[in-house]
Amino acid sequence: MWKFIQGVKNPEENASKRRKITTEEAKHRDETYEKEKRTRKFQNSWQSGRSWLVYDPETNVMTCTVCAKYDPTPGPFVNGSSNFRLNSIQKHECSESHKWSVK
């Protein structure tokens, strides 16, 4: 398609002129973005199918009501977690302590 547009160069030629970044540079770039620029927020959709997950906007933490009630071991979802990632919720959901608390 690029051949038919006047003034457009072959994209493969342009790509070969760009500096390729190393894996280490990409990792550093991603870590910097996560730490300095990205802001994570609690998503209400995460509560769908998880009646045990509660978010407190005043303290900006999410807790597991089941674990807080039945698990005596302090942990991020008992004390309150601000790690707003679906992955962290899924890991907690699959944890042995959570499964034990739900029974």
PDB file of N, CA and C in Angstrom:
ATOM      1  N   MET A   1       0.817  -1.185   0.000  1.00  0.00           N
ATOM      2  CA  MET A   1       0.000   0.000   0.000  1.00  0.00           C
ATOM      3  C   MET A   1       0.867   1.256   0.000  1.00  0.00           C
ATOM      4  N   TRP A   2       1.965   1.236   0.755  1.00  0.00           N
ATOM      5  CA  TRP A   2       2.832   2.398   0.857  1.00  0.00           C
ATOM      6  C   TRP A   2       3.420   2.784  -0.499  1.00  0.00           C
ATOM      7  N   LYS A   3       3.498   1.821  -1.409  1.00  0.00           N
ATOM      8  CA  LYS A   3       4.076   2.069  -2.724  1.00  0.00           C
ATOM      9  C   LYS A   3       3.243   3.066  -3.533  1.00  0.00           C
ATOM     10  N   PHE A   4       1.954   3.112  -3.232  1.00  0.00           N
ATOM     11  CA  PHE A   4       1.054   3.918  -4.030  1.00  0.00           C
ATOM     12  C   PHE A   4       0.818   5.318  -3.465  1.00  0.00           C
ATOM     13  N   ILE A   5       1.390   5.600  -2.312  1.00  0.00           N
ATOM     14  CA  ILE A   5       1.223   6.911  -1.700  1.00  0.00           C
ATOM     15  C   ILE A   5       2.481   7.717  -1.974  1.00  0.00           C
ATOM     16  N   GLN A   6       2.296   8.835  -2.601  1.00  0.00           N
ATOM     17  CA  GLN A   6       3.424   9.658  -3.006  1.00  0.00           C
ATOM     18  C   GLN A   6       4.178  10.192  -1.779  1.00  0.00           C
ATOM     19  N   GLY A   7       5.503  10.049  -1.804  1.00  0.00           N
ATOM     20  CA  GLY A   7       6.341  10.591  -0.739  1.00  0.00           C
ATOM     21  C   GLY A   7       6.537   9.658   0.443  1.00  0.00           C
ATOM     22  N   VAL A   8       5.901   8.479   0.444  1.00  0.00           N
ATOM     23  CA  VAL A   8       6.043   7.541   1.558  1.00  0.00           C
ATOM     24  C   VAL A   8       7.143   6.545   1.229  1.00  0.00           C
ATOM     25  N   LYS A   9       8.041   6.352   2.212  1.00  0.00           N
ATOM     26  CA  LYS A   9       9.150   5.425   2.005  1.00  0.00           C
ATOM     27  C   LYS A   9       8.781   4.045   2.532  1.00  0.00           C
ATOM     28  N   ASN A  10       9.527   3.075   2.112  1.00  0.00           N
ATOM     29  CA  ASN A  10       9.338   1.698   2.531  1.00  0.00           C
ATOM     30  C   ASN A  10       9.464   1.619   4.055  1.00  0.00           C
ATOM     31  N   PRO A  11       8.444   1.128   4.767  1.00  0.00           N
ATOM     32  CA  PRO A  11       8.509   1.064   6.224  1.00  0.00           C
ATOM     33  C   PRO A  11       9.624   0.167   6.743  1.00  0.00           C
ATOM     34  N   GLU A  12      10.008  -0.852   5.990  1.00  0.00           N
ATOM     35  CA  GLU A  12      11.096  -1.728   6.414  1.00  0.00           C
ATOM     36  C   GLU A  12      12.423  -0.986   6.440  1.00  0.00           C
ATOM     37  N   GLU A  13      12.629  -0.053   5.523  1.00  0.00           N
ATOM     38  CA  GLU A  13      13.848   0.753   5.518  1.00  0.00           C
ATOM     39  C   GLU A  13      13.879   1.668   6.739  1.00  0.00           C
ATOM     40  N   ASN A  14      12.735   2.261   7.078  1.00  0.00           N
ATOM     41  CA  ASN A  14      12.666   3.138   8.248  1.00  0.00           C
ATOM     42  C   ASN A  14      12.918   2.361   9.530  1.00  0.00           C
ATOM     43  N   ALA A  15      12.420   1.140   9.609  1.00  0.00           N
ATOM     44  CA  ALA A  15      12.589   0.325  10.811  1.00  0.00           C
ATOM     45  C   ALA A  15      14.046  -0.052  11.008  1.00  0.00           C
ATOM     46  N   SER A  16      14.756  -0.312   9.946  1.00  0.00           N
ATOM     47  CA  SER A  16      16.157  -0.719  10.073  1.00  0.00           C
ATOM     48  C   SER A  16      17.041   0.442  10.527  1.00  0.00           C
ATOM     49  N   LYS A  17      16.612   1.675  10.323  1.00  0.00           N
ATOM     50  CA  LYS A  17      17.387   2.842  10.743  1.00  0.00           C
ATOM     51  C   LYS A  17      17.186   3.171  12.215  1.00  0.00           C
ATOM     52  N   ARG A  18      16.077   2.717  12.799  1.00  0.00           N
ATOM     53  CA  ARG A  18      15.807   2.985  14.213  1.00  0.00           C
ATOM     54  C   ARG A  18      16.747   2.196  15.098  1.00  0.00           C
ATOM     55  N   ARG A  19      17.142   2.818  16.214  1.00  0.00           N
ATOM     56  CA  ARG A  19      18.006   2.135  17.178  1.00  0.00           C
ATOM     57  C   ARG A  19      17.177   1.118  17.942  1.00  0.00           C
ATOM     58  N   LYS A  20      17.653  -0.093  17.991  1.00  0.00           N
ATOM     59  CA  LYS A  20      16.954  -1.138  18.730  1.00  0.00           C
ATOM     60  C   LYS A  20      17.392  -1.071  20.189  1.00  0.00           C
ATOM     61  N   ILE A  21      16.413  -1.149  21.094  1.00  0.00           N
ATOM     62  CA  ILE A  21      16.760  -1.092  22.510  1.00  0.00           C
ATOM     63  C   ILE A  21      16.967  -2.502  23.045  1.00  0.00           C
ATOM     64  N   THR A  22      17.830  -2.608  24.025  1.00  0.00           N
ATOM     65  CA  THR A  22      18.125  -3.909  24.608  1.00  0.00           C
ATOM     66  C   THR A  22      17.022  -4.295  25.587  1.00  0.00           C
ATOM     67  N   THR A  23      17.014  -5.543  25.981  1.00  0.00           N
ATOM     68  CA  THR A  23      16.040  -6.029  26.948  1.00  0.00           C
ATOM     69  C   THR A  23      16.182  -5.285  28.267  1.00  0.00           C
ATOM     70  N   GLU A  24      17.418  -5.024  28.655  1.00  0.00           N
ATOM     71  CA  GLU A  24      17.687  -4.304  29.909  1.00  0.00           C
ATOM     72  C   GLU A  24      17.140  -2.874  29.847  1.00  0.00           C
ATOM     73  N   GLU A  25      17.314  -2.221  28.708  1.00  0.00           N
ATOM     74  CA  GLU A  25      16.793  -0.855  28.542  1.00  0.00           C
ATOM     75  C   GLU A  25      15.269  -0.843  28.586  1.00  0.00           C
ATOM     76  N   ALA A  26      14.657  -1.826  27.968  1.00  0.00           N
ATOM     77  CA  ALA A  26      13.198  -1.916  27.966  1.00  0.00           C
ATOM     78  C   ALA A  26      12.678  -2.171  29.377  1.00  0.00           C
ATOM     79  N   LYS A  27      13.361  -3.033  30.113  1.00  0.00           N
ATOM     80  CA  LYS A  27      12.960  -3.324  31.491  1.00  0.00           C
ATOM     81  C   LYS A  27      13.065  -2.068  32.351  1.00  0.00           C
ATOM     82  N   HIS A  28      14.165  -1.339  32.209  1.00  0.00           N
ATOM     83  CA  HIS A  28      14.356  -0.093  32.963  1.00  0.00           C
ATOM     84  C   HIS A  28      13.277   0.930  32.604  1.00  0.00           C
ATOM     85  N   ARG A  29      12.954   1.055  31.327  1.00  0.00           N
ATOM     86  CA  ARG A  29      11.922   1.979  30.874  1.00  0.00           C
ATOM     87  C   ARG A  29      10.572   1.624  31.494  1.00  0.00           C
ATOM     88  N   ASP A  30      10.237   0.346  31.498  1.00  0.00           N
ATOM     89  CA  ASP A  30       8.958  -0.098  32.053  1.00  0.00           C
ATOM     90  C   ASP A  30       8.887   0.121  33.560  1.00  0.00           C
ATOM     91  N   GLU A  31       9.991  -0.173  34.261  1.00  0.00           N
ATOM     92  CA  GLU A  31      10.025   0.022  35.713  1.00  0.00           C
ATOM     93  C   GLU A  31       9.891   1.502  36.070  1.00  0.00           C
ATOM     94  N   THR A  32      10.559   2.360  35.312  1.00  0.00           N
ATOM     95  CA  THR A  32      10.470   3.799  35.553  1.00  0.00           C
ATOM     96  C   THR A  32       9.045   4.281  35.346  1.00  0.00           C
ATOM     97  N   TYR A  33       8.400   3.816  34.303  1.00  0.00           N
ATOM     98  CA  TYR A  33       7.014   4.194  34.036  1.00  0.00           C
ATOM     99  C   TYR A  33       6.103   3.762  35.178  1.00  0.00           C
ATOM    100  N   GLU A  34       6.272   2.529  35.645  1.00  0.00           N
ATOM    101  CA  GLU A  34       5.440   2.020  36.739  1.00  0.00           C
ATOM    102  C   GLU A  34       5.612   2.841  38.007  1.00  0.00           C
ATOM    103  N   LYS A  35       6.854   3.183  38.347  1.00  0.00           N
ATOM    104  CA  LYS A  35       7.142   3.880  39.595  1.00  0.00           C
ATOM    105  C   LYS A  35       6.780   5.358  39.557  1.00  0.00           C
ATOM    106  N   GLU A  36       7.051   6.025  38.448  1.00  0.00           N
ATOM    107  CA  GLU A  36       6.964   7.474  38.418  1.00  0.00           C
ATOM    108  C   GLU A  36       5.726   8.043  37.726  1.00  0.00           C
ATOM    109  N   LYS A  37       5.171   7.329  36.787  1.00  0.00           N
ATOM    110  CA  LYS A  37       4.112   7.931  35.990  1.00  0.00           C
ATOM    111  C   LYS A  37       2.752   7.257  36.119  1.00  0.00           C
ATOM    112  N   ARG A  38       2.736   5.969  36.329  1.00  0.00           N
ATOM    113  CA  ARG A  38       1.470   5.243  36.330  1.00  0.00           C
ATOM    114  C   ARG A  38       0.768   5.368  37.669  1.00  0.00           C
ATOM    115  N   THR A  39      -0.497   5.651  37.619  1.00  0.00           N
ATOM    116  CA  THR A  39      -1.296   5.665  38.837  1.00  0.00           C
ATOM    117  C   THR A  39      -2.365   4.592  38.708  1.00  0.00           C
ATOM    118  N   ARG A  40      -2.420   3.734  39.689  1.00  0.00           N
ATOM    119  CA  ARG A  40      -3.400   2.649  39.677  1.00  0.00           C
ATOM    120  C   ARG A  40      -4.556   3.000  40.591  1.00  0.00           C
ATOM    121  N   LYS A  41      -5.736   2.577  40.197  1.00  0.00           N
ATOM    122  CA  LYS A  41      -6.939   2.840  40.975  1.00  0.00           C
ATOM    123  C   LYS A  41      -7.731   1.557  41.114  1.00  0.00           C
ATOM    124  N   PHE A  42      -8.506   1.480  42.175  1.00  0.00           N
ATOM    125  CA  PHE A  42      -9.373   0.336  42.384  1.00  0.00           C
ATOM    126  C   PHE A  42     -10.473   0.359  41.325  1.00  0.00           C
ATOM    127  N   GLN A  43     -10.730  -0.792  40.732  1.00  0.00           N
ATOM    128  CA  GLN A  43     -11.780  -0.919  39.714  1.00  0.00           C
ATOM    129  C   GLN A  43     -12.973  -1.642  40.325  1.00  0.00           C
ATOM    130  N   ASN A  44     -14.130  -0.999  40.303  1.00  0.00           N
ATOM    131  CA  ASN A  44     -15.330  -1.606  40.881  1.00  0.00           C
ATOM    132  C   ASN A  44     -15.679  -2.946  40.238  1.00  0.00           C
ATOM    133  N   SER A  45     -15.292  -3.127  39.000  1.00  0.00           N
ATOM    134  CA  SER A  45     -15.584  -4.379  38.294  1.00  0.00           C
ATOM    135  C   SER A  45     -14.891  -5.570  38.956  1.00  0.00           C
ATOM    136  N   TRP A  46     -13.826  -5.329  39.719  1.00  0.00           N
ATOM    137  CA  TRP A  46     -13.119  -6.418  40.402  1.00  0.00           C
ATOM    138  C   TRP A  46     -13.999  -7.063  41.468  1.00  0.00           C
ATOM    139  N   GLN A  47     -14.994  -6.356  41.951  1.00  0.00           N
ATOM    140  CA  GLN A  47     -15.868  -6.888  42.991  1.00  0.00           C
ATOM    141  C   GLN A  47     -16.905  -7.858  42.436  1.00  0.00           C
ATOM    142  N   SER A  48     -17.083  -7.864  41.128  1.00  0.00           N
ATOM    143  CA  SER A  48     -18.053  -8.754  40.500  1.00  0.00           C
ATOM    144  C   SER A  48     -17.674 -10.210  40.758  1.00  0.00           C
ATOM    145  N   GLY A  49     -18.535 -10.930  41.453  1.00  0.00           N
ATOM    146  CA  GLY A  49     -18.272 -12.329  41.789  1.00  0.00           C
ATOM    147  C   GLY A  49     -17.362 -12.492  42.991  1.00  0.00           C
ATOM    148  N   ARG A  50     -16.996 -11.393  43.612  1.00  0.00           N
ATOM    149  CA  ARG A  50     -16.132 -11.432  44.802  1.00  0.00           C
ATOM    150  C   ARG A  50     -16.787 -10.615  45.911  1.00  0.00           C
ATOM    151  N   SER A  51     -17.794 -11.185  46.520  1.00  0.00           N
ATOM    152  CA  SER A  51     -18.520 -10.467  47.576  1.00  0.00           C
ATOM    153  C   SER A  51     -17.629 -10.184  48.781  1.00  0.00           C
ATOM    154  N   TRP A  52     -16.548 -10.899  48.913  1.00  0.00           N
ATOM    155  CA  TRP A  52     -15.615 -10.734  50.022  1.00  0.00           C
ATOM    156  C   TRP A  52     -14.686  -9.540  49.854  1.00  0.00           C
ATOM    157  N   LEU A  53     -14.567  -9.014  48.634  1.00  0.00           N
ATOM    158  CA  LEU A  53     -13.645  -7.912  48.358  1.00  0.00           C
ATOM    159  C   LEU A  53     -14.330  -6.576  48.632  1.00  0.00           C
ATOM    160  N   VAL A  54     -13.730  -5.804  49.529  1.00  0.00           N
ATOM    161  CA  VAL A  54     -14.298  -4.508  49.911  1.00  0.00           C
ATOM    162  C   VAL A  54     -13.242  -3.431  49.714  1.00  0.00           C
ATOM    163  N   TYR A  55     -13.668  -2.312  49.142  1.00  0.00           N
ATOM    164  CA  TYR A  55     -12.767  -1.173  48.941  1.00  0.00           C
ATOM    165  C   TYR A  55     -13.207  -0.025  49.833  1.00  0.00           C
ATOM    166  N   ASP A  56     -12.255   0.563  50.535  1.00  0.00           N
ATOM    167  CA  ASP A  56     -12.529   1.719  51.388  1.00  0.00           C
ATOM    168  C   ASP A  56     -11.892   2.949  50.748  1.00  0.00           C
ATOM    169  N   PRO A  57     -12.703   3.829  50.177  1.00  0.00           N
ATOM    170  CA  PRO A  57     -12.138   5.002  49.493  1.00  0.00           C
ATOM    171  C   PRO A  57     -11.456   5.992  50.443  1.00  0.00           C
ATOM    172  N   GLU A  58     -11.824   5.990  51.711  1.00  0.00           N
ATOM    173  CA  GLU A  58     -11.203   6.913  52.658  1.00  0.00           C
ATOM    174  C   GLU A  58      -9.753   6.541  52.942  1.00  0.00           C
ATOM    175  N   THR A  59      -9.493   5.249  53.114  1.00  0.00           N
ATOM    176  CA  THR A  59      -8.124   4.799  53.372  1.00  0.00           C
ATOM    177  C   THR A  59      -7.418   4.342  52.097  1.00  0.00           C
ATOM    178  N   ASN A  60      -8.172   4.219  51.006  1.00  0.00           N
ATOM    179  CA  ASN A  60      -7.653   3.808  49.704  1.00  0.00           C
ATOM    180  C   ASN A  60      -7.005   2.427  49.761  1.00  0.00           C
ATOM    181  N   VAL A  61      -7.689   1.489  50.425  1.00  0.00           N
ATOM    182  CA  VAL A  61      -7.219   0.109  50.490  1.00  0.00           C
ATOM    183  C   VAL A  61      -8.377  -0.847  50.227  1.00  0.00           C
ATOM    184  N   MET A  62      -8.039  -2.036  49.792  1.00  0.00           N
ATOM    185  CA  MET A  62      -9.031  -3.085  49.600  1.00  0.00           C
ATOM    186  C   MET A  62      -8.739  -4.193  50.591  1.00  0.00           C
ATOM    187  N   THR A  63      -9.779  -4.815  51.112  1.00  0.00           N
ATOM    188  CA  THR A  63      -9.613  -5.876  52.095  1.00  0.00           C
ATOM    189  C   THR A  63     -10.487  -7.063  51.729  1.00  0.00           C
ATOM    190  N   CYS A  64     -10.125  -8.201  52.302  1.00  0.00           N
ATOM    191  CA  CYS A  64     -10.907  -9.422  52.168  1.00  0.00           C
ATOM    192  C   CYS A  64     -11.662  -9.601  53.478  1.00  0.00           C
ATOM    193  N   THR A  65     -12.965  -9.449  53.455  1.00  0.00           N
ATOM    194  CA  THR A  65     -13.754  -9.528  54.687  1.00  0.00           C
ATOM    195  C   THR A  65     -13.721 -10.927  55.288  1.00  0.00           C
ATOM    196  N   VAL A  66     -13.668 -11.947  54.459  1.00  0.00           N
ATOM    197  CA  VAL A  66     -13.644 -13.331  54.937  1.00  0.00           C
ATOM    198  C   VAL A  66     -12.340 -13.601  55.683  1.00  0.00           C
ATOM    199  N   CYS A  67     -11.213 -13.227  55.096  1.00  0.00           N
ATOM    200  CA  CYS A  67      -9.920 -13.453  55.742  1.00  0.00           C
ATOM    201  C   CYS A  67      -9.777 -12.589  56.991  1.00  0.00           C
ATOM    202  N   ALA A  68     -10.286 -11.374  56.937  1.00  0.00           N
ATOM    203  CA  ALA A  68     -10.208 -10.494  58.105  1.00  0.00           C
ATOM    204  C   ALA A  68     -10.983 -11.090  59.278  1.00  0.00           C
ATOM    205  N   LYS A  69     -12.042 -11.827  58.972  1.00  0.00           N
ATOM    206  CA  LYS A  69     -12.872 -12.402  60.028  1.00  0.00           C
ATOM    207  C   LYS A  69     -12.322 -13.734  60.540  1.00  0.00           C
ATOM    208  N   TYR A  70     -11.854 -14.598  59.638  1.00  0.00           N
ATOM    209  CA  TYR A  70     -11.500 -15.964  60.014  1.00  0.00           C
ATOM    210  C   TYR A  70     -10.017 -16.280  60.044  1.00  0.00           C
ATOM    211  N   ASP A  71      -9.178 -15.502  59.396  1.00  0.00           N
ATOM    212  CA  ASP A  71      -7.740 -15.804  59.340  1.00  0.00           C
ATOM    213  C   ASP A  71      -6.999 -14.933  60.347  1.00  0.00           C
ATOM    214  N   PRO A  72      -6.411 -15.530  61.374  1.00  0.00           N
ATOM    215  CA  PRO A  72      -5.708 -14.740  62.386  1.00  0.00           C
ATOM    216  C   PRO A  72      -4.349 -14.200  61.917  1.00  0.00           C
ATOM    217  N   THR A  73      -3.857 -14.727  60.804  1.00  0.00           N
ATOM    218  CA  THR A  73      -2.555 -14.304  60.296  1.00  0.00           C
ATOM    219  C   THR A  73      -2.682 -12.968  59.565  1.00  0.00           C
ATOM    220  N   PRO A  74      -1.945 -11.955  60.004  1.00  0.00           N
ATOM    221  CA  PRO A  74      -2.021 -10.678  59.293  1.00  0.00           C
ATOM    222  C   PRO A  74      -1.416 -10.792  57.899  1.00  0.00           C
ATOM    223  N   GLY A  75      -2.036 -10.169  56.957  1.00  0.00           N
ATOM    224  CA  GLY A  75      -1.556 -10.176  55.583  1.00  0.00           C
ATOM    225  C   GLY A  75      -2.090  -8.957  54.860  1.00  0.00           C
ATOM    226  N   PRO A  76      -1.690  -8.772  53.611  1.00  0.00           N
ATOM    227  CA  PRO A  76      -2.100  -7.574  52.889  1.00  0.00           C
ATOM    228  C   PRO A  76      -3.616  -7.429  52.736  1.00  0.00           C
ATOM    229  N   PHE A  77      -4.314  -8.522  52.543  1.00  0.00           N
ATOM    230  CA  PHE A  77      -5.755  -8.408  52.352  1.00  0.00           C
ATOM    231  C   PHE A  77      -6.520  -8.440  53.676  1.00  0.00           C
ATOM    232  N   VAL A  78      -5.831  -8.727  54.765  1.00  0.00           N
ATOM    233  CA  VAL A  78      -6.439  -8.648  56.094  1.00  0.00           C
ATOM    234  C   VAL A  78      -6.267  -7.221  56.623  1.00  0.00           C
ATOM    235  N   ASN A  79      -5.065  -6.692  56.499  1.00  0.00           N
ATOM    236  CA  ASN A  79      -4.761  -5.338  56.968  1.00  0.00           C
ATOM    237  C   ASN A  79      -5.227  -4.267  55.991  1.00  0.00           C
ATOM    238  N   GLY A  80      -5.300  -4.616  54.722  1.00  0.00           N
ATOM    239  CA  GLY A  80      -5.673  -3.671  53.671  1.00  0.00           C
ATOM    240  C   GLY A  80      -4.545  -3.543  52.672  1.00  0.00           C
ATOM    241  N   SER A  81      -4.863  -3.704  51.415  1.00  0.00           N
ATOM    242  CA  SER A  81      -3.855  -3.665  50.356  1.00  0.00           C
ATOM    243  C   SER A  81      -4.149  -2.517  49.396  1.00  0.00           C
ATOM    244  N   SER A  82      -3.090  -1.830  49.006  1.00  0.00           N
ATOM    245  CA  SER A  82      -3.239  -0.779  47.991  1.00  0.00           C
ATOM    246  C   SER A  82      -2.551  -1.193  46.688  1.00  0.00           C
ATOM    247  N   ASN A  83      -2.284  -2.481  46.547  1.00  0.00           N
ATOM    248  CA  ASN A  83      -1.703  -3.016  45.324  1.00  0.00           C
ATOM    249  C   ASN A  83      -2.837  -3.259  44.333  1.00  0.00           C
ATOM    250  N   PHE A  84      -3.243  -2.207  43.659  1.00  0.00           N
ATOM    251  CA  PHE A  84      -4.416  -2.264  42.781  1.00  0.00           C
ATOM    252  C   PHE A  84      -4.085  -2.907  41.446  1.00  0.00           C
ATOM    253  N   ARG A  85      -3.983  -4.218  41.499  1.00  0.00           N
ATOM    254  CA  ARG A  85      -3.777  -5.021  40.294  1.00  0.00           C
ATOM    255  C   ARG A  85      -4.703  -6.224  40.389  1.00  0.00           C
ATOM    256  N   LEU A  86      -5.323  -6.546  39.297  1.00  0.00           N
ATOM    257  CA  LEU A  86      -6.206  -7.709  39.273  1.00  0.00           C
ATOM    258  C   LEU A  86      -5.422  -8.964  39.624  1.00  0.00           C
ATOM    259  N   ASN A  87      -4.181  -9.019  39.188  1.00  0.00           N
ATOM    260  CA  ASN A  87      -3.329 -10.169  39.467  1.00  0.00           C
ATOM    261  C   ASN A  87      -3.171 -10.393  40.971  1.00  0.00           C
ATOM    262  N   SER A  88      -3.024  -9.335  41.749  1.00  0.00           N
ATOM    263  CA  SER A  88      -2.855  -9.493  43.195  1.00  0.00           C
ATOM    264  C   SER A  88      -4.134 -10.040  43.831  1.00  0.00           C
ATOM    265  N   ILE A  89      -5.287  -9.629  43.325  1.00  0.00           N
ATOM    266  CA  ILE A  89      -6.566 -10.137  43.833  1.00  0.00           C
ATOM    267  C   ILE A  89      -6.704 -11.618  43.483  1.00  0.00           C
ATOM    268  N   GLN A  90      -6.345 -11.970  42.269  1.00  0.00           N
ATOM    269  CA  GLN A  90      -6.437 -13.364  41.835  1.00  0.00           C
ATOM    270  C   GLN A  90      -5.496 -14.260  42.633  1.00  0.00           C
ATOM    271  N   LYS A  91      -4.296 -13.759  42.936  1.00  0.00           N
ATOM    272  CA  LYS A  91      -3.357 -14.540  43.754  1.00  0.00           C
ATOM    273  C   LYS A  91      -3.922 -14.757  45.151  1.00  0.00           C
ATOM    274  N   HIS A  92      -4.512 -13.702  45.724  1.00  0.00           N
ATOM    275  CA  HIS A  92      -5.098 -13.845  47.053  1.00  0.00           C
ATOM    276  C   HIS A  92      -6.250 -14.844  47.014  1.00  0.00           C
ATOM    277  N   GLU A  93      -7.056 -14.742  45.978  1.00  0.00           N
ATOM    278  CA  GLU A  93      -8.221 -15.623  45.819  1.00  0.00           C
ATOM    279  C   GLU A  93      -7.808 -17.095  45.764  1.00  0.00           C
ATOM    280  N   CYS A  94      -6.643 -17.374  45.201  1.00  0.00           N
ATOM    281  CA  CYS A  94      -6.153 -18.753  45.067  1.00  0.00           C
ATOM    282  C   CYS A  94      -5.270 -19.182  46.230  1.00  0.00           C
ATOM    283  N   SER A  95      -4.994 -18.275  47.158  1.00  0.00           N
ATOM    284  CA  SER A  95      -4.104 -18.614  48.265  1.00  0.00           C
ATOM    285  C   SER A  95      -4.765 -19.608  49.211  1.00  0.00           C
ATOM    286  N   GLU A  96      -3.929 -20.399  49.874  1.00  0.00           N
ATOM    287  CA  GLU A  96      -4.430 -21.408  50.810  1.00  0.00           C
ATOM    288  C   GLU A  96      -5.180 -20.753  51.976  1.00  0.00           C
ATOM    289  N   SER A  97      -4.662 -19.635  52.479  1.00  0.00           N
ATOM    290  CA  SER A  97      -5.307 -18.984  53.620  1.00  0.00           C
ATOM    291  C   SER A  97      -6.705 -18.475  53.247  1.00  0.00           C
ATOM    292  N   HIS A  98      -6.863 -17.971  52.031  1.00  0.00           N
ATOM    293  CA  HIS A  98      -8.183 -17.508  51.604  1.00  0.00           C
ATOM    294  C   HIS A  98      -9.144 -18.687  51.426  1.00  0.00           C
ATOM    295  N   LYS A  99      -8.637 -19.736  50.786  1.00  0.00           N
ATOM    296  CA  LYS A  99      -9.494 -20.928  50.599  1.00  0.00           C
ATOM    297  C   LYS A  99      -9.931 -21.498  51.944  1.00  0.00           C
ATOM    298  N   TRP A 100      -9.008 -21.503  52.922  1.00  0.00           N
ATOM    299  CA  TRP A 100      -9.344 -21.994  54.250  1.00  0.00           C
ATOM    300  C   TRP A 100     -10.393 -21.094  54.912  1.00  0.00           C
ATOM    301  N   SER A 101     -10.266 -19.804  54.748  1.00  0.00           N
ATOM    302  CA  SER A 101     -11.198 -18.854  55.359  1.00  0.00           C
ATOM    303  C   SER A 101     -12.597 -18.950  54.752  1.00  0.00           C
ATOM    304  N   VAL A 102     -12.667 -19.265  53.478  1.00  0.00           N
ATOM    305  CA  VAL A 102     -13.962 -19.337  52.786  1.00  0.00           C
ATOM    306  C   VAL A 102     -14.746 -20.567  53.224  1.00  0.00           C
ATOM    307  N   LYS A 103     -14.054 -21.656  53.616  1.00  0.00           N
ATOM    308  CA  LYS A 103     -14.732 -22.910  53.984  1.00  0.00           C
ATOM    309  C   LYS A 103     -15.608 -22.763  55.187  1.00  0.00           C
TER     310      LYS A 103
END
